[in-house]
Amino acid sequence: MSDSSPVTVWVFLGQGAQWPSGVFRTRERAESWIKTGELTGMITEYPLDTGVYDWAIEHGHFQPRAAHQQTPSFVGRFTTAQQEHFHYTDGNPD
């Protein structure tokens, strides 16, 4: 039995939102939902089964250089522009 689960997912965060409002297996599904709802915000591709902090280090996008960059509060809030992401206004790509 093969595992056909995605290695990444696309997460939608609406403009001004604190929490995501949609998670999708494909960018196409995310964009269809955004278009239908005429939504403003962004989608970001996230790796499954790993944190973004660890993913960024593993792929050479980040290297901690100070002690505070290894603290739980830093790791828990970590994001990187190296993740694939797209912005939308009223359902249309920017």
Protein backbone atom coordinates (compact mmCIF):
# COMPACT_ATOMS: atom_id res chain seq x y z
CA MET A 1 0.00 0.00 0.00
CA SER A 2 1.55 3.31 -1.05
CA ASP A 3 1.32 6.48 0.98
CA SER A 4 -0.29 9.10 -1.26
CA SER A 5 -0.44 11.76 1.45
CA PRO A 6 0.97 15.15 0.52
CA VAL A 7 4.41 16.12 1.77
CA THR A 8 3.20 19.70 2.17
CA VAL A 9 -0.07 21.56 2.64
CA TRP A 10 -1.20 25.09 1.75
CA VAL A 11 -2.47 27.21 4.64
CA PHE A 12 -4.67 30.29 4.10
CA LEU A 13 -4.41 33.25 6.47
CA GLY A 14 -6.94 35.99 5.85
CA GLN A 15 -5.87 39.62 6.02
CA GLY A 16 -5.77 40.71 9.66
CA ALA A 17 -6.51 37.19 10.93
CA GLN A 18 -4.69 35.69 13.87
CA TRP A 19 -5.48 32.10 12.92
CA PRO A 20 -5.61 30.25 9.58
CA SER A 21 -9.04 29.62 8.10
CA GLY A 22 -8.21 26.93 5.56
CA VAL A 23 -5.74 24.11 4.93
CA PHE A 24 -5.50 22.47 1.52
CA ARG A 25 -3.68 19.55 -0.08
CA THR A 26 -2.97 21.52 -3.26
CA ARG A 27 -2.41 25.13 -4.25
CA GLU A 28 -5.13 24.74 -6.88
CA ARG A 29 -7.76 23.82 -4.28
CA ALA A 30 -6.69 26.73 -2.09
CA GLU A 31 -6.88 29.18 -4.98
CA SER A 32 -10.31 27.90 -6.02
CA TRP A 33 -11.62 28.45 -2.48
CA ILE A 34 -10.04 31.91 -2.31
CA LYS A 35 -11.52 32.87 -5.70
CA THR A 36 -15.00 31.60 -4.83
CA GLY A 37 -15.02 33.48 -1.53
CA GLU A 38 -13.40 36.61 -3.00
CA LEU A 39 -10.96 36.45 -0.09
CA THR A 40 -8.01 38.68 0.75
CA GLY A 41 -4.98 37.15 2.42
CA MET A 42 -2.21 34.74 1.62
CA ILE A 43 -1.47 31.06 1.26
CA THR A 44 1.78 29.56 2.45
CA GLU A 45 3.15 26.09 1.76
CA TYR A 46 4.01 24.22 4.97
CA PRO A 47 5.94 20.96 5.31
CA LEU A 48 4.18 18.12 7.12
CA ASP A 49 5.60 16.34 10.14
CA THR A 50 8.25 18.97 10.85
CA GLY A 51 8.41 22.50 12.19
CA VAL A 52 9.27 25.41 9.90
CA TYR A 53 12.30 26.20 12.07
CA ASP A 54 13.74 22.70 11.57
CA TRP A 55 12.80 22.70 7.88
CA ALA A 56 14.57 26.03 7.31
CA ILE A 57 17.75 24.81 9.01
CA GLU A 58 17.68 21.48 7.15
CA HIS A 59 17.33 23.25 3.78
CA GLY A 60 20.00 25.86 4.51
CA HIS A 61 17.59 28.80 4.75
CA PHE A 62 18.41 29.66 8.37
CA GLN A 63 21.24 29.13 10.81
CA PRO A 64 20.82 30.23 14.43
CA ARG A 65 23.59 32.67 15.30
CA ALA A 66 22.53 33.82 18.76
CA ALA A 67 21.39 31.95 21.87
CA HIS A 68 17.91 33.52 21.80
CA GLN A 69 17.38 32.02 18.31
CA GLN A 70 17.25 28.57 19.90
CA THR A 71 14.73 29.36 22.63
CA PRO A 72 11.24 27.84 22.63
CA SER A 73 9.61 31.24 22.16
CA PHE A 74 11.74 31.97 19.08
CA VAL A 75 11.22 28.52 17.56
CA GLY A 76 7.47 28.67 18.24
CA ARG A 77 7.07 31.96 16.35
CA PHE A 78 9.55 31.25 13.56
CA THR A 79 8.60 31.90 9.94
CA THR A 80 10.66 32.34 6.81
CA ALA A 81 10.06 34.02 3.47
CA GLN A 82 11.74 30.99 1.90
CA GLN A 83 8.43 29.14 2.16
CA GLU A 84 6.44 29.34 -1.06
CA HIS A 85 3.63 31.87 -0.55
CA PHE A 86 1.18 33.91 -2.59
CA HIS A 87 -0.95 36.97 -1.83
CA TYR A 88 -4.57 37.57 -2.92
CA THR A 89 -6.94 40.53 -2.92
CA ASP A 90 -10.68 40.00 -3.33
CA GLY A 91 -10.00 36.49 -4.64
CA ASN A 92 -7.43 37.53 -7.23
CA PRO A 93 -3.66 36.94 -7.11
CA ASP A 94 -1.61 40.06 -6.43
